[in-house]
Amino acid sequence: MKKIKICIAAILIGMTALATFTSCKKGSDNPIVSLRTRKDRFTNIWTLTKYEKNGSSQDMLGTTYTYTANNNGTLTQVVEGSIFGFATRTTRQGTWAFLNDDEDVKITFDNDVTIYNIQRLATKELWLKKTVSDDTYVYYFSGL
């Protein structure tokens, strides 16, 4: 009888924990359980691997976009590529902050503010979505 009570208690505790973890999941493509906070997962060096416009993959024209998101809310963007065969590198400093119960992220460079909906935020994957007029863009990043 004592073993049955222990089993029932363990099952109830497990179900409660599972319900708690599942209700904390922010985006539909986010991991169900993570030992790191959303802020800790967002703090990373992110490289843009592809992006889509209205569901169609777009050509990045040999350009590499890297974003370093720091825990203090600062952000560094590095864009590397070439123009007429000459290597180019542009660096911008900005900030980032979560909005709407961490569902969105606001990224600011100078006076240019963009709000992205976070589609997926895992340790090494970040998917950001924005809509401009009738166009929807989704950006796919891989992290270190």
Protein backbone atom coordinates (compact mmCIF):
# COMPACT_ATOMS: atom_id res chain seq x y z
CA MET A 1 0.00 0.00 0.00
CA LYS A 2 2.88 2.34 0.82
CA LYS A 3 4.48 1.69 -2.59
CA ILE A 4 1.22 2.56 -4.37
CA LYS A 5 1.00 5.90 -2.50
CA ILE A 6 4.61 6.70 -3.42
CA CYS A 7 3.95 5.85 -7.09
CA ILE A 8 0.80 7.99 -7.19
CA ALA A 9 2.66 10.90 -5.55
CA ALA A 10 5.53 10.58 -8.05
CA ILE A 11 3.11 10.54 -10.99
CA LEU A 12 1.28 13.63 -9.69
CA ILE A 13 4.56 15.50 -9.16
CA GLY A 14 5.72 14.52 -12.66
CA MET A 15 2.46 15.66 -14.26
CA THR A 16 2.61 18.97 -12.39
CA ALA A 17 6.22 19.56 -13.46
CA LEU A 18 5.42 18.72 -17.09
CA ALA A 19 2.43 21.08 -17.11
CA THR A 20 4.58 23.84 -15.60
CA PHE A 21 7.39 23.43 -18.15
CA THR A 22 4.97 23.24 -21.07
CA SER A 23 3.13 26.39 -19.99
CA CYS A 24 6.46 28.31 -19.87
CA LYS A 25 7.18 27.58 -23.53
CA LYS A 26 6.98 30.89 -25.42
CA GLY A 27 7.05 30.16 -29.16
CA SER A 28 5.48 27.25 -30.97
CA ASP A 29 8.90 26.10 -32.24
CA ASN A 30 10.77 26.63 -28.96
CA PRO A 31 12.12 23.71 -26.94
CA ILE A 32 9.64 22.37 -24.42
CA VAL A 33 12.21 22.33 -21.61
CA SER A 34 15.34 24.44 -21.31
CA LEU A 35 17.69 24.80 -18.37
CA ARG A 36 18.69 28.27 -19.60
CA THR A 37 16.53 31.39 -19.44
CA ARG A 38 15.38 33.09 -22.63
CA LYS A 39 17.81 35.93 -21.94
CA ASP A 40 20.67 33.46 -21.55
CA ARG A 41 19.69 31.68 -24.78
CA PHE A 42 19.42 34.96 -26.69
CA THR A 43 22.85 36.05 -25.42
CA ASN A 44 25.07 34.47 -28.05
CA ILE A 45 26.97 35.04 -31.27
CA TRP A 46 24.42 34.53 -34.05
CA THR A 47 25.19 34.03 -37.74
CA LEU A 48 22.43 34.49 -40.31
CA THR A 49 22.22 31.24 -42.28
CA LYS A 50 19.23 32.09 -44.50
CA TYR A 51 16.22 34.31 -44.77
CA GLU A 52 12.87 34.11 -46.47
CA LYS A 53 10.53 36.69 -47.93
CA ASN A 54 6.91 35.56 -48.12
CA GLY A 55 8.05 31.94 -47.78
CA SER A 56 10.66 32.08 -50.59
CA SER A 57 14.35 31.72 -49.76
CA GLN A 58 16.39 34.82 -50.64
CA ASP A 59 19.97 35.05 -51.94
CA MET A 60 22.39 36.54 -49.41
CA LEU A 61 24.83 37.39 -52.23
CA GLY A 62 27.90 36.04 -50.43
CA THR A 63 27.41 38.37 -47.47
CA THR A 64 27.84 37.18 -43.88
CA TYR A 65 25.79 38.75 -41.09
CA THR A 66 26.92 38.15 -37.51
CA TYR A 67 25.20 39.49 -34.41
CA THR A 68 26.74 39.39 -30.94
CA ALA A 69 24.00 39.77 -28.33
CA ASN A 70 25.39 40.54 -24.89
CA ASN A 71 23.70 39.89 -21.55
CA ASN A 72 23.64 43.63 -20.76
CA GLY A 73 21.35 44.38 -23.74
CA THR A 74 24.02 45.58 -26.16
CA LEU A 75 24.31 44.20 -29.67
CA THR A 76 27.05 44.28 -32.30
CA GLN A 77 26.29 43.67 -35.98
CA VAL A 78 29.12 42.75 -38.36
CA VAL A 79 28.40 42.54 -42.10
CA GLU A 80 31.14 41.09 -44.30
CA GLY A 81 31.13 40.63 -48.05
CA SER A 82 32.63 42.14 -51.15
CA ILE A 83 31.82 44.91 -53.58
CA PHE A 84 33.40 44.70 -57.03
CA GLY A 85 35.85 42.11 -55.67
CA PHE A 86 36.97 44.25 -52.72
CA ALA A 87 36.38 42.89 -49.22
CA THR A 88 34.05 44.99 -47.08
CA ARG A 89 33.31 44.92 -43.36
CA THR A 90 30.77 47.09 -41.58
CA THR A 91 30.26 47.11 -37.81
CA ARG A 92 27.33 48.72 -35.99
CA GLN A 93 26.59 48.97 -32.28
CA GLY A 94 23.04 48.73 -30.98
CA THR A 95 20.77 47.39 -28.27
CA TRP A 96 18.23 44.62 -27.83
CA ALA A 97 15.34 44.13 -25.39
CA PHE A 98 12.52 41.65 -25.01
CA LEU A 99 8.93 42.89 -25.37
CA ASN A 100 5.47 41.38 -24.87
CA ASP A 101 6.36 38.83 -22.20
CA ASP A 102 9.54 37.87 -24.13
CA GLU A 103 7.55 36.97 -27.27
CA ASP A 104 9.20 39.75 -29.30
CA VAL A 105 12.61 41.39 -29.39
CA LYS A 106 13.27 45.05 -30.15
CA ILE A 107 16.58 45.66 -31.93
CA THR A 108 17.83 49.22 -32.22
CA PHE A 109 20.73 50.56 -34.32
CA ASP A 110 21.04 54.36 -34.10
CA ASN A 111 17.44 55.55 -34.53
CA ASP A 112 16.42 52.49 -36.53
CA VAL A 113 14.10 50.35 -34.36
CA THR A 114 12.87 46.96 -35.57
CA ILE A 115 10.59 44.63 -33.64
CA TYR A 116 10.82 40.93 -34.46
CA ASN A 117 8.56 38.12 -33.32
CA ILE A 118 10.65 35.28 -31.91
CA GLN A 119 9.59 32.13 -33.74
CA ARG A 120 12.25 29.87 -32.19
CA LEU A 121 14.82 30.50 -29.49
CA ALA A 122 16.97 27.51 -28.63
CA THR A 123 20.58 27.35 -27.48
CA LYS A 124 21.91 27.26 -31.04
CA GLU A 125 18.89 28.29 -33.12
CA LEU A 126 17.12 31.62 -33.47
CA TRP A 127 14.29 32.38 -35.90
CA LEU A 128 13.01 35.95 -36.11
CA LYS A 129 9.98 37.13 -38.07
CA LYS A 130 8.88 40.61 -39.08
CA THR A 131 6.16 41.96 -41.33
CA VAL A 132 6.62 45.09 -43.42
CA SER A 133 3.52 46.21 -45.33
CA ASP A 134 2.33 43.00 -47.04
CA ASP A 135 5.70 41.23 -46.87
CA THR A 136 6.74 38.72 -44.21
CA TYR A 137 10.41 38.07 -43.54
CA VAL A 138 11.82 35.18 -41.49
CA TYR A 139 15.49 35.20 -40.51
CA TYR A 140 17.24 31.95 -39.48
CA PHE A 141 20.34 32.16 -37.31
CA SER A 142 22.72 29.57 -35.92
CA GLY A 143 24.55 30.20 -32.67
CA LEU A 144 27.77 29.07 -31.12
